[in-house]
């Protein structure tokens, strides 16, 4: 099975053994499992409800706005882990961010990995 995935250009399946559930095998494609950086994970863990950039940056404890935008906000938006409250005006001073359904799945996956 692993070799067939590799031959097809797909990542290897993820095997997980659970005493109660047995063995589960998860297949993924790059489109379904985006690269989630530690910065995006940190952002998701601190984002509650709808927050503006300044509040998010403060709660994470970063001073450099440009670094925050390039390392946290842009990567999170690119993988659709967060979404803008005013997408038609991305530079609006009233812009806020919230966790998307993709971000919720990322957080749920982290919780499941930490629980096992």
PDB file of N, CA and C in Angstrom:
ATOM      1  N   UNK A   1       0.830  -1.192   0.000  1.00  0.00           N
ATOM      2  CA  UNK A   1       0.000   0.000   0.000  1.00  0.00           C
ATOM      3  C   UNK A   1       0.872   1.253   0.000  1.00  0.00           C
ATOM      4  N   UNK A   2       1.914   1.264   0.859  1.00  0.00           N
ATOM      5  CA  UNK A   2       2.803   2.418   0.916  1.00  0.00           C
ATOM      6  C   UNK A   2       3.479   2.621  -0.428  1.00  0.00           C
ATOM      7  N   UNK A   3       3.956   1.561  -1.033  1.00  0.00           N
ATOM      8  CA  UNK A   3       4.649   1.673  -2.319  1.00  0.00           C
ATOM      9  C   UNK A   3       3.717   2.196  -3.401  1.00  0.00           C
ATOM     10  N   UNK A   4       2.446   1.773  -3.382  1.00  0.00           N
ATOM     11  CA  UNK A   4       1.492   2.264  -4.388  1.00  0.00           C
ATOM     12  C   UNK A   4       1.265   3.760  -4.226  1.00  0.00           C
ATOM     13  N   UNK A   5       1.212   4.231  -2.985  1.00  0.00           N
ATOM     14  CA  UNK A   5       1.070   5.670  -2.751  1.00  0.00           C
ATOM     15  C   UNK A   5       2.284   6.408  -3.296  1.00  0.00           C
ATOM     16  N   UNK A   6       3.475   5.921  -2.962  1.00  0.00           N
ATOM     17  CA  UNK A   6       4.703   6.567  -3.423  1.00  0.00           C
ATOM     18  C   UNK A   6       4.798   6.551  -4.942  1.00  0.00           C
ATOM     19  N   UNK A   7       4.434   5.407  -5.564  1.00  0.00           N
ATOM     20  CA  UNK A   7       4.458   5.300  -7.015  1.00  0.00           C
ATOM     21  C   UNK A   7       3.503   6.297  -7.672  1.00  0.00           C
ATOM     22  N   UNK A   8       2.426   6.614  -6.976  1.00  0.00           N
ATOM     23  CA  UNK A   8       1.428   7.550  -7.506  1.00  0.00           C
ATOM     24  C   UNK A   8       1.753   9.001  -7.178  1.00  0.00           C
ATOM     25  N   UNK A   9       2.848   9.213  -6.449  1.00  0.00           N
ATOM     26  CA  UNK A   9       3.223  10.570  -6.078  1.00  0.00           C
ATOM     27  C   UNK A   9       2.468  11.099  -4.878  1.00  0.00           C
ATOM     28  N   UNK A  10       1.843  10.207  -4.122  1.00  0.00           N
ATOM     29  CA  UNK A  10       1.090  10.599  -2.930  1.00  0.00           C
ATOM     30  C   UNK A  10       1.920  10.351  -1.681  1.00  0.00           C
ATOM     31  N   UNK A  11       1.628  11.082  -0.603  1.00  0.00           N
ATOM     32  CA  UNK A  11       2.347  10.820   0.639  1.00  0.00           C
ATOM     33  C   UNK A  11       1.961   9.459   1.205  1.00  0.00           C
ATOM     34  N   UNK A  12       2.843   8.906   2.017  1.00  0.00           N
ATOM     35  CA  UNK A  12       2.549   7.625   2.662  1.00  0.00           C
ATOM     36  C   UNK A  12       1.333   7.762   3.560  1.00  0.00           C
ATOM     37  N   UNK A  13       0.557   6.696   3.713  1.00  0.00           N
ATOM     38  CA  UNK A  13      -0.583   6.758   4.622  1.00  0.00           C
ATOM     39  C   UNK A  13      -0.100   6.870   6.065  1.00  0.00           C
ATOM     40  N   UNK A  14      -0.955   7.409   6.915  1.00  0.00           N
ATOM     41  CA  UNK A  14      -0.647   7.549   8.329  1.00  0.00           C
ATOM     42  C   UNK A  14      -1.354   6.417   9.075  1.00  0.00           C
ATOM     43  N   UNK A  15      -0.573   5.609   9.763  1.00  0.00           N
ATOM     44  CA  UNK A  15      -1.104   4.473  10.506  1.00  0.00           C
ATOM     45  C   UNK A  15      -1.194   4.833  11.980  1.00  0.00           C
ATOM     46  N   UNK A  16      -2.313   4.504  12.615  1.00  0.00           N
ATOM     47  CA  UNK A  16      -2.471   4.773  14.039  1.00  0.00           C
ATOM     48  C   UNK A  16      -3.125   3.561  14.688  1.00  0.00           C
ATOM     49  N   UNK A  17      -2.536   3.114  15.769  1.00  0.00           N
ATOM     50  CA  UNK A  17      -3.070   1.965  16.491  1.00  0.00           C
ATOM     51  C   UNK A  17      -3.715   2.446  17.778  1.00  0.00           C
ATOM     52  N   UNK A  18      -4.935   2.009  18.013  1.00  0.00           N
ATOM     53  CA  UNK A  18      -5.663   2.365  19.225  1.00  0.00           C
ATOM     54  C   UNK A  18      -6.189   1.081  19.846  1.00  0.00           C
ATOM     55  N   UNK A  19      -5.922   0.841  21.133  1.00  0.00           N
ATOM     56  CA  UNK A  19      -6.370  -0.407  21.761  1.00  0.00           C
ATOM     57  C   UNK A  19      -7.884  -0.630  21.681  1.00  0.00           C
ATOM     58  N   UNK A  20      -8.654   0.448  21.674  1.00  0.00           N
ATOM     59  CA  UNK A  20     -10.113   0.321  21.638  1.00  0.00           C
ATOM     60  C   UNK A  20     -10.661   0.262  20.213  1.00  0.00           C
ATOM     61  N   UNK A  21     -10.054   1.049  19.320  1.00  0.00           N
ATOM     62  CA  UNK A  21     -10.584   1.161  17.959  1.00  0.00           C
ATOM     63  C   UNK A  21      -9.869   0.279  16.948  1.00  0.00           C
ATOM     64  N   UNK A  22      -8.710  -0.229  17.311  1.00  0.00           N
ATOM     65  CA  UNK A  22      -7.931  -1.020  16.363  1.00  0.00           C
ATOM     66  C   UNK A  22      -7.006  -0.120  15.578  1.00  0.00           C
ATOM     67  N   UNK A  23      -6.693  -0.537  14.370  1.00  0.00           N
ATOM     68  CA  UNK A  23      -5.767   0.224  13.535  1.00  0.00           C
ATOM     69  C   UNK A  23      -6.559   1.065  12.539  1.00  0.00           C
ATOM     70  N   UNK A  24      -6.176   2.328  12.429  1.00  0.00           N
ATOM     71  CA  UNK A  24      -6.779   3.192  11.406  1.00  0.00           C
ATOM     72  C   UNK A  24      -5.680   3.625  10.446  1.00  0.00           C
ATOM     73  N   UNK A  25      -6.035   3.743   9.197  1.00  0.00           N
ATOM     74  CA  UNK A  25      -5.115   4.193   8.169  1.00  0.00           C
ATOM     75  C   UNK A  25      -5.733   5.433   7.533  1.00  0.00           C
ATOM     76  N   UNK A  26      -4.976   6.514   7.507  1.00  0.00           N
ATOM     77  CA  UNK A  26      -5.459   7.761   6.937  1.00  0.00           C
ATOM     78  C   UNK A  26      -4.665   8.063   5.668  1.00  0.00           C
ATOM     79  N   UNK A  27      -5.381   8.275   4.578  1.00  0.00           N
ATOM     80  CA  UNK A  27      -4.760   8.657   3.322  1.00  0.00           C
ATOM     81  C   UNK A  27      -5.010  10.140   3.129  1.00  0.00           C
ATOM     82  N   UNK A  28      -4.008  10.842   2.665  1.00  0.00           N
ATOM     83  CA  UNK A  28      -4.199  12.269   2.426  1.00  0.00           C
ATOM     84  C   UNK A  28      -3.491  12.671   1.143  1.00  0.00           C
ATOM     85  N   UNK A  29      -3.925  13.802   0.632  1.00  0.00           N
ATOM     86  CA  UNK A  29      -3.269  14.396  -0.527  1.00  0.00           C
ATOM     87  C   UNK A  29      -2.768  15.763  -0.102  1.00  0.00           C
ATOM     88  N   UNK A  30      -1.806  16.323  -0.797  1.00  0.00           N
ATOM     89  CA  UNK A  30      -1.305  17.645  -0.410  1.00  0.00           C
ATOM     90  C   UNK A  30      -2.406  18.706  -0.340  1.00  0.00           C
ATOM     91  N   UNK A  31      -3.432  18.590  -1.186  1.00  0.00           N
ATOM     92  CA  UNK A  31      -4.507  19.582  -1.161  1.00  0.00           C
ATOM     93  C   UNK A  31      -5.347  19.469   0.103  1.00  0.00           C
ATOM     94  N   UNK A  32      -5.502  18.271   0.631  1.00  0.00           N
ATOM     95  CA  UNK A  32      -6.338  18.061   1.808  1.00  0.00           C
ATOM     96  C   UNK A  32      -5.572  18.380   3.083  1.00  0.00           C
ATOM     97  N   UNK A  33      -4.279  18.127   3.098  1.00  0.00           N
ATOM     98  CA  UNK A  33      -3.460  18.341   4.282  1.00  0.00           C
ATOM     99  C   UNK A  33      -2.432  19.426   3.987  1.00  0.00           C
ATOM    100  N   UNK A  34      -2.819  20.706   4.183  1.00  0.00           N
ATOM    101  CA  UNK A  34      -1.870  21.772   3.895  1.00  0.00           C
ATOM    102  C   UNK A  34      -0.756  21.796   4.936  1.00  0.00           C
ATOM    103  N   UNK A  35       0.368  22.398   4.574  1.00  0.00           N
ATOM    104  CA  UNK A  35       1.460  22.536   5.533  1.00  0.00           C
ATOM    105  C   UNK A  35       1.050  23.563   6.577  1.00  0.00           C
ATOM    106  N   UNK A  36       1.052  23.137   7.808  1.00  0.00           N
ATOM    107  CA  UNK A  36       0.661  24.015   8.900  1.00  0.00           C
ATOM    108  C   UNK A  36       1.918  24.326   9.714  1.00  0.00           C
ATOM    109  N   UNK A  37       2.335  25.576   9.662  1.00  0.00           N
ATOM    110  CA  UNK A  37       3.542  25.984  10.377  1.00  0.00           C
ATOM    111  C   UNK A  37       3.251  26.158  11.864  1.00  0.00           C
ATOM    112  N   UNK A  38       4.283  26.124  12.693  1.00  0.00           N
ATOM    113  CA  UNK A  38       4.080  26.374  14.133  1.00  0.00           C
ATOM    114  C   UNK A  38       3.454  27.745  14.387  1.00  0.00           C
ATOM    115  N   UNK A  39       3.773  28.728  13.527  1.00  0.00           N
ATOM    116  CA  UNK A  39       3.197  30.064  13.689  1.00  0.00           C
ATOM    117  C   UNK A  39       1.687  30.046  13.451  1.00  0.00           C
ATOM    118  N   UNK A  40       1.244  29.308  12.440  1.00  0.00           N
ATOM    119  CA  UNK A  40      -0.195  29.217  12.164  1.00  0.00           C
ATOM    120  C   UNK A  40      -0.900  28.503  13.322  1.00  0.00           C
ATOM    121  N   UNK A  41      -0.285  27.455  13.836  1.00  0.00           N
ATOM    122  CA  UNK A  41      -0.874  26.747  14.976  1.00  0.00           C
ATOM    123  C   UNK A  41      -0.999  27.693  16.168  1.00  0.00           C
ATOM    124  N   UNK A  42       0.044  28.456  16.430  1.00  0.00           N
ATOM    125  CA  UNK A  42       0.018  29.412  17.542  1.00  0.00           C
ATOM    126  C   UNK A  42      -1.093  30.439  17.331  1.00  0.00           C
ATOM    127  N   UNK A  43      -1.224  30.931  16.110  1.00  0.00           N
ATOM    128  CA  UNK A  43      -2.270  31.892  15.782  1.00  0.00           C
ATOM    129  C   UNK A  43      -3.654  31.297  16.048  1.00  0.00           C
ATOM    130  N   UNK A  44      -3.875  30.081  15.575  1.00  0.00           N
ATOM    131  CA  UNK A  44      -5.173  29.432  15.756  1.00  0.00           C
ATOM    132  C   UNK A  44      -5.498  29.230  17.233  1.00  0.00           C
ATOM    133  N   UNK A  45      -4.494  28.881  18.017  1.00  0.00           N
ATOM    134  CA  UNK A  45      -4.709  28.641  19.449  1.00  0.00           C
ATOM    135  C   UNK A  45      -5.071  29.922  20.201  1.00  0.00           C
ATOM    136  N   UNK A  46      -4.644  31.078  19.677  1.00  0.00           N
ATOM    137  CA  UNK A  46      -4.909  32.342  20.359  1.00  0.00           C
ATOM    138  C   UNK A  46      -6.109  33.100  19.791  1.00  0.00           C
ATOM    139  N   UNK A  47      -6.598  32.687  18.642  1.00  0.00           N
ATOM    140  CA  UNK A  47      -7.698  33.394  17.985  1.00  0.00           C
ATOM    141  C   UNK A  47      -9.032  32.944  18.570  1.00  0.00           C
ATOM    142  N   UNK A  48      -9.719  33.874  19.221  1.00  0.00           N
ATOM    143  CA  UNK A  48     -11.032  33.564  19.791  1.00  0.00           C
ATOM    144  C   UNK A  48     -12.062  34.520  19.210  1.00  0.00           C
ATOM    145  N   UNK A  49     -13.137  33.966  18.681  1.00  0.00           N
ATOM    146  CA  UNK A  49     -14.166  34.793  18.061  1.00  0.00           C
ATOM    147  C   UNK A  49     -13.607  35.529  16.860  1.00  0.00           C
ATOM    148  N   UNK A  50     -13.882  36.828  16.801  1.00  0.00           N
ATOM    149  CA  UNK A  50     -13.344  37.685  15.743  1.00  0.00           C
ATOM    150  C   UNK A  50     -12.378  38.668  16.382  1.00  0.00           C
ATOM    151  N   UNK A  51     -11.168  38.709  15.873  1.00  0.00           N
ATOM    152  CA  UNK A  51     -10.145  39.595  16.437  1.00  0.00           C
ATOM    153  C   UNK A  51      -9.444  40.381  15.338  1.00  0.00           C
ATOM    154  N   UNK A  52      -9.081  41.641  15.649  1.00  0.00           N
ATOM    155  CA  UNK A  52      -8.325  42.418  14.677  1.00  0.00           C
ATOM    156  C   UNK A  52      -6.847  42.073  14.791  1.00  0.00           C
ATOM    157  N   UNK A  53      -6.067  42.535  13.815  1.00  0.00           N
ATOM    158  CA  UNK A  53      -4.646  42.199  13.771  1.00  0.00           C
ATOM    159  C   UNK A  53      -3.906  42.651  15.025  1.00  0.00           C
ATOM    160  N   UNK A  54      -4.176  43.854  15.484  1.00  0.00           N
ATOM    161  CA  UNK A  54      -3.489  44.388  16.655  1.00  0.00           C
ATOM    162  C   UNK A  54      -3.724  43.548  17.902  1.00  0.00           C
ATOM    163  N   UNK A  55      -4.982  43.160  18.123  1.00  0.00           N
ATOM    164  CA  UNK A  55      -5.301  42.344  19.296  1.00  0.00           C
ATOM    165  C   UNK A  55      -4.648  40.967  19.207  1.00  0.00           C
ATOM    166  N   UNK A  56      -4.677  40.389  18.027  1.00  0.00           N
ATOM    167  CA  UNK A  56      -4.047  39.076  17.824  1.00  0.00           C
ATOM    168  C   UNK A  56      -2.544  39.150  18.066  1.00  0.00           C
ATOM    169  N   UNK A  57      -1.937  40.171  17.504  1.00  0.00           N
ATOM    170  CA  UNK A  57      -0.495  40.346  17.646  1.00  0.00           C
ATOM    171  C   UNK A  57      -0.135  40.526  19.126  1.00  0.00           C
ATOM    172  N   UNK A  58      -0.954  41.275  19.838  1.00  0.00           N
ATOM    173  CA  UNK A  58      -0.701  41.516  21.263  1.00  0.00           C
ATOM    174  C   UNK A  58      -0.845  40.248  22.090  1.00  0.00           C
ATOM    175  N   UNK A  59      -1.892  39.476  21.843  1.00  0.00           N
ATOM    176  CA  UNK A  59      -2.127  38.266  22.634  1.00  0.00           C
ATOM    177  C   UNK A  59      -1.038  37.215  22.376  1.00  0.00           C
ATOM    178  N   UNK A  60      -0.482  37.220  21.177  1.00  0.00           N
ATOM    179  CA  UNK A  60       0.609  36.298  20.857  1.00  0.00           C
ATOM    180  C   UNK A  60       1.935  36.828  21.413  1.00  0.00           C
ATOM    181  N   UNK A  61       2.011  38.150  21.604  1.00  0.00           N
ATOM    182  CA  UNK A  61       3.197  38.740  22.204  1.00  0.00           C
ATOM    183  C   UNK A  61       4.262  39.162  21.207  1.00  0.00           C
ATOM    184  N   UNK A  62       3.825  39.599  20.023  1.00  0.00           N
ATOM    185  CA  UNK A  62       4.776  40.035  18.993  1.00  0.00           C
ATOM    186  C   UNK A  62       4.683  41.544  18.795  1.00  0.00           C
ATOM    187  N   UNK A  63       5.828  42.172  18.596  1.00  0.00           N
ATOM    188  CA  UNK A  63       5.860  43.622  18.386  1.00  0.00           C
ATOM    189  C   UNK A  63       5.948  44.002  16.916  1.00  0.00           C
ATOM    190  N   UNK A  64       6.640  43.204  16.128  1.00  0.00           N
ATOM    191  CA  UNK A  64       6.896  43.529  14.727  1.00  0.00           C
ATOM    192  C   UNK A  64       5.690  43.182  13.862  1.00  0.00           C
ATOM    193  N   UNK A  65       4.966  44.212  13.417  1.00  0.00           N
ATOM    194  CA  UNK A  65       3.739  44.016  12.644  1.00  0.00           C
ATOM    195  C   UNK A  65       4.005  43.315  11.311  1.00  0.00           C
ATOM    196  N   UNK A  66       5.115  43.669  10.651  1.00  0.00           N
ATOM    197  CA  UNK A  66       5.423  43.072   9.351  1.00  0.00           C
ATOM    198  C   UNK A  66       5.745  41.585   9.494  1.00  0.00           C
ATOM    199  N   UNK A  67       6.524  41.240  10.508  1.00  0.00           N
ATOM    200  CA  UNK A  67       6.832  39.828  10.772  1.00  0.00           C
ATOM    201  C   UNK A  67       5.541  39.061  11.079  1.00  0.00           C
ATOM    202  N   UNK A  68       4.670  39.662  11.884  1.00  0.00           N
ATOM    203  CA  UNK A  68       3.402  39.013  12.230  1.00  0.00           C
ATOM    204  C   UNK A  68       2.567  38.767  10.976  1.00  0.00           C
ATOM    205  N   UNK A  69       2.489  39.745  10.116  1.00  0.00           N
ATOM    206  CA  UNK A  69       1.702  39.623   8.883  1.00  0.00           C
ATOM    207  C   UNK A  69       2.275  38.533   7.982  1.00  0.00           C
ATOM    208  N   UNK A  70       3.598  38.554   7.777  1.00  0.00           N
ATOM    209  CA  UNK A  70       4.228  37.605   6.853  1.00  0.00           C
ATOM    210  C   UNK A  70       4.318  36.185   7.406  1.00  0.00           C
ATOM    211  N   UNK A  71       4.526  36.036   8.700  1.00  0.00           N
ATOM    212  CA  UNK A  71       4.737  34.703   9.280  1.00  0.00           C
ATOM    213  C   UNK A  71       3.491  34.067   9.863  1.00  0.00           C
ATOM    214  N   UNK A  72       2.495  34.865  10.184  1.00  0.00           N
ATOM    215  CA  UNK A  72       1.294  34.342  10.835  1.00  0.00           C
ATOM    216  C   UNK A  72       0.043  34.518   9.968  1.00  0.00           C
ATOM    217  N   UNK A  73      -0.302  35.775   9.675  1.00  0.00           N
ATOM    218  CA  UNK A  73      -1.560  36.065   8.977  1.00  0.00           C
ATOM    219  C   UNK A  73      -1.577  35.511   7.549  1.00  0.00           C
ATOM    220  N   UNK A  74      -0.581  35.854   6.749  1.00  0.00           N
ATOM    221  CA  UNK A  74      -0.588  35.433   5.336  1.00  0.00           C
ATOM    222  C   UNK A  74      -0.581  33.909   5.199  1.00  0.00           C
ATOM    223  N   UNK A  75       0.303  33.172   5.905  1.00  0.00           N
ATOM    224  CA  UNK A  75       0.256  31.710   5.776  1.00  0.00           C
ATOM    225  C   UNK A  75      -1.086  31.112   6.223  1.00  0.00           C
ATOM    226  N   UNK A  76      -1.671  31.673   7.280  1.00  0.00           N
ATOM    227  CA  UNK A  76      -2.973  31.166   7.760  1.00  0.00           C
ATOM    228  C   UNK A  76      -4.071  31.427   6.733  1.00  0.00           C
ATOM    229  N   UNK A  77      -4.021  32.582   6.079  1.00  0.00           N
ATOM    230  CA  UNK A  77      -5.005  32.884   5.035  1.00  0.00           C
ATOM    231  C   UNK A  77      -4.789  31.998   3.806  1.00  0.00           C
ATOM    232  N   UNK A  78      -3.519  31.763   3.451  1.00  0.00           N
ATOM    233  CA  UNK A  78      -3.221  30.968   2.257  1.00  0.00           C
ATOM    234  C   UNK A  78      -3.740  29.535   2.370  1.00  0.00           C
ATOM    235  N   UNK A  79      -3.667  28.943   3.549  1.00  0.00           N
ATOM    236  CA  UNK A  79      -4.179  27.577   3.704  1.00  0.00           C
ATOM    237  C   UNK A  79      -5.632  27.566   4.165  1.00  0.00           C
ATOM    238  N   UNK A  80      -6.224  28.767   4.228  1.00  0.00           N
ATOM    239  CA  UNK A  80      -7.634  28.938   4.578  1.00  0.00           C
ATOM    240  C   UNK A  80      -7.947  28.490   6.004  1.00  0.00           C
ATOM    241  N   UNK A  81      -6.961  28.610   6.908  1.00  0.00           N
ATOM    242  CA  UNK A  81      -7.164  28.268   8.316  1.00  0.00           C
ATOM    243  C   UNK A  81      -7.923  29.378   9.039  1.00  0.00           C
ATOM    244  N   UNK A  82      -7.775  30.609   8.531  1.00  0.00           N
ATOM    245  CA  UNK A  82      -8.541  31.742   9.054  1.00  0.00           C
ATOM    246  C   UNK A  82      -9.200  32.439   7.876  1.00  0.00           C
ATOM    247  N   UNK A  83     -10.177  33.274   8.191  1.00  0.00           N
ATOM    248  CA  UNK A  83     -10.828  34.054   7.148  1.00  0.00           C
ATOM    249  C   UNK A  83     -11.050  35.480   7.630  1.00  0.00           C
ATOM    250  N   UNK A  84     -11.151  36.381   6.688  1.00  0.00           N
ATOM    251  CA  UNK A  84     -11.394  37.790   6.991  1.00  0.00           C
ATOM    252  C   UNK A  84     -12.885  38.013   7.185  1.00  0.00           C
ATOM    253  N   UNK A  85     -13.206  38.957   8.072  1.00  0.00           N
ATOM    254  CA  UNK A  85     -14.616  39.298   8.252  1.00  0.00           C
ATOM    255  C   UNK A  85     -15.102  40.233   7.145  1.00  0.00           C
ATOM    256  N   UNK A  86     -14.156  40.939   6.503  1.00  0.00           N
ATOM    257  CA  UNK A  86     -14.495  41.831   5.388  1.00  0.00           C
ATOM    258  C   UNK A  86     -13.582  41.463   4.210  1.00  0.00           C
ATOM    259  N   UNK A  87     -13.810  40.304   3.574  1.00  0.00           N
ATOM    260  CA  UNK A  87     -12.894  39.855   2.521  1.00  0.00           C
ATOM    261  C   UNK A  87     -12.821  40.786   1.315  1.00  0.00           C
ATOM    262  N   UNK A  88     -13.880  41.521   1.048  1.00  0.00           N
ATOM    263  CA  UNK A  88     -13.867  42.424  -0.102  1.00  0.00           C
ATOM    264  C   UNK A  88     -13.021  43.679   0.160  1.00  0.00           C
ATOM    265  N   UNK A  89     -12.618  43.903   1.416  1.00  0.00           N
ATOM    266  CA  UNK A  89     -11.764  45.045   1.780  1.00  0.00           C
ATOM    267  C   UNK A  89     -10.628  44.542   2.678  1.00  0.00           C
ATOM    268  N   UNK A  90      -9.658  43.834   2.096  1.00  0.00           N
ATOM    269  CA  UNK A  90      -8.609  43.220   2.909  1.00  0.00           C
ATOM    270  C   UNK A  90      -7.744  44.194   3.709  1.00  0.00           C
ATOM    271  N   UNK A  91      -7.668  45.461   3.286  1.00  0.00           N
ATOM    272  CA  UNK A  91      -6.835  46.418   4.012  1.00  0.00           C
ATOM    273  C   UNK A  91      -7.647  47.356   4.909  1.00  0.00           C
ATOM    274  N   UNK A  92      -8.908  47.036   5.111  1.00  0.00           N
ATOM    275  CA  UNK A  92      -9.773  47.875   5.941  1.00  0.00           C
ATOM    276  C   UNK A  92      -9.251  47.950   7.381  1.00  0.00           C
ATOM    277  N   UNK A  93      -9.351  49.126   7.963  1.00  0.00           N
ATOM    278  CA  UNK A  93      -8.949  49.293   9.365  1.00  0.00           C
ATOM    279  C   UNK A  93      -9.901  48.551  10.306  1.00  0.00           C
ATOM    280  N   UNK A  94     -11.065  48.183   9.796  1.00  0.00           N
ATOM    281  CA  UNK A  94     -12.045  47.437  10.595  1.00  0.00           C
ATOM    282  C   UNK A  94     -11.937  45.922  10.385  1.00  0.00           C
ATOM    283  N   UNK A  95     -10.918  45.496   9.624  1.00  0.00           N
ATOM    284  CA  UNK A  95     -10.743  44.079   9.311  1.00  0.00           C
ATOM    285  C   UNK A  95     -10.498  43.254  10.576  1.00  0.00           C
ATOM    286  N   UNK A  96     -11.176  42.125  10.641  1.00  0.00           N
ATOM    287  CA  UNK A  96     -10.972  41.172  11.728  1.00  0.00           C
ATOM    288  C   UNK A  96     -10.803  39.792  11.105  1.00  0.00           C
ATOM    289  N   UNK A  97     -10.343  38.876  11.913  1.00  0.00           N
ATOM    290  CA  UNK A  97     -10.104  37.503  11.465  1.00  0.00           C
ATOM    291  C   UNK A  97     -10.827  36.544  12.391  1.00  0.00           C
ATOM    292  N   UNK A  98     -11.226  35.408  11.824  1.00  0.00           N
ATOM    293  CA  UNK A  98     -11.858  34.345  12.611  1.00  0.00           C
ATOM    294  C   UNK A  98     -11.371  33.008  12.077  1.00  0.00           C
ATOM    295  N   UNK A  99     -11.492  31.983  12.907  1.00  0.00           N
ATOM    296  CA  UNK A  99     -11.079  30.647  12.496  1.00  0.00           C
ATOM    297  C   UNK A  99     -12.091  30.112  11.488  1.00  0.00           C
ATOM    298  N   UNK A 100     -11.605  29.526  10.410  1.00  0.00           N
ATOM    299  CA  UNK A 100     -12.471  28.931   9.382  1.00  0.00           C
ATOM    300  C   UNK A 100     -12.735  27.464   9.734  1.00  0.00           C
ATOM    301  N   UNK A 101     -13.517  26.801   8.902  1.00  0.00           N
ATOM    302  CA  UNK A 101     -13.764  25.370   9.120  1.00  0.00           C
ATOM    303  C   UNK A 101     -12.467  24.576   8.965  1.00  0.00           C
ATOM    304  N   UNK A 102     -11.585  25.021   8.073  1.00  0.00           N
ATOM    305  CA  UNK A 102     -10.277  24.359   7.918  1.00  0.00           C
ATOM    306  C   UNK A 102      -9.472  24.517   9.209  1.00  0.00           C
ATOM    307  N   UNK A 103      -9.473  25.715   9.763  1.00  0.00           N
ATOM    308  CA  UNK A 103      -8.776  25.964  11.024  1.00  0.00           C
ATOM    309  C   UNK A 103      -9.330  25.133  12.164  1.00  0.00           C
ATOM    310  N   UNK A 104     -10.651  24.977  12.191  1.00  0.00           N
ATOM    311  CA  UNK A 104     -11.288  24.134  13.223  1.00  0.00           C
ATOM    312  C   UNK A 104     -10.815  22.691  13.098  1.00  0.00           C
ATOM    313  N   UNK A 105     -10.717  22.196  11.846  1.00  0.00           N
ATOM    314  CA  UNK A 105     -10.238  20.823  11.638  1.00  0.00           C
ATOM    315  C   UNK A 105      -8.777  20.676  12.060  1.00  0.00           C
ATOM    316  N   UNK A 106      -7.975  21.692  11.805  1.00  0.00           N
ATOM    317  CA  UNK A 106      -6.569  21.659  12.222  1.00  0.00           C
ATOM    318  C   UNK A 106      -6.487  21.573  13.741  1.00  0.00           C
ATOM    319  N   UNK A 107      -7.248  22.413  14.427  1.00  0.00           N
ATOM    320  CA  UNK A 107      -7.250  22.405  15.899  1.00  0.00           C
ATOM    321  C   UNK A 107      -7.765  21.063  16.438  1.00  0.00           C
ATOM    322  N   UNK A 108      -8.805  20.527  15.814  1.00  0.00           N
ATOM    323  CA  UNK A 108      -9.350  19.238  16.248  1.00  0.00           C
ATOM    324  C   UNK A 108      -8.302  18.132  16.055  1.00  0.00           C
ATOM    325  N   UNK A 109      -7.581  18.190  14.952  1.00  0.00           N
ATOM    326  CA  UNK A 109      -6.526  17.211  14.699  1.00  0.00           C
ATOM    327  C   UNK A 109      -5.423  17.301  15.742  1.00  0.00           C
ATOM    328  N   UNK A 110      -5.071  18.524  16.138  1.00  0.00           N
ATOM    329  CA  UNK A 110      -4.054  18.710  17.184  1.00  0.00           C
ATOM    330  C   UNK A 110      -4.545  18.154  18.503  1.00  0.00           C
ATOM    331  N   UNK A 111      -5.807  18.407  18.824  1.00  0.00           N
ATOM    332  CA  UNK A 111      -6.366  17.890  20.070  1.00  0.00           C
ATOM    333  C   UNK A 111      -6.385  16.362  20.071  1.00  0.00           C
ATOM    334  N   UNK A 112      -6.749  15.774  18.946  1.00  0.00           N
ATOM    335  CA  UNK A 112      -6.778  14.303  18.842  1.00  0.00           C
ATOM    336  C   UNK A 112      -5.377  13.716  18.972  1.00  0.00           C
ATOM    337  N   UNK A 113      -4.379  14.364  18.357  1.00  0.00           N
ATOM    338  CA  UNK A 113      -3.001  13.870  18.444  1.00  0.00           C
ATOM    339  C   UNK A 113      -2.453  13.986  19.858  1.00  0.00           C
ATOM    340  N   UNK A 114      -2.852  15.042  20.569  1.00  0.00           N
ATOM    341  CA  UNK A 114      -2.372  15.231  21.941  1.00  0.00           C
ATOM    342  C   UNK A 114      -3.100  14.309  22.920  1.00  0.00           C
ATOM    343  N   UNK A 115      -4.322  13.906  22.566  1.00  0.00           N
ATOM    344  CA  UNK A 115      -5.098  13.023  23.443  1.00  0.00           C
ATOM    345  C   UNK A 115      -4.592  11.592  23.384  1.00  0.00           C
ATOM    346  N   UNK A 116      -4.007  11.190  22.251  1.00  0.00           N
ATOM    347  CA  UNK A 116      -3.581   9.810  22.084  1.00  0.00           C
ATOM    348  C   UNK A 116      -2.195   9.635  22.418  1.00  0.00           C
TER     349      UNK A 116
END
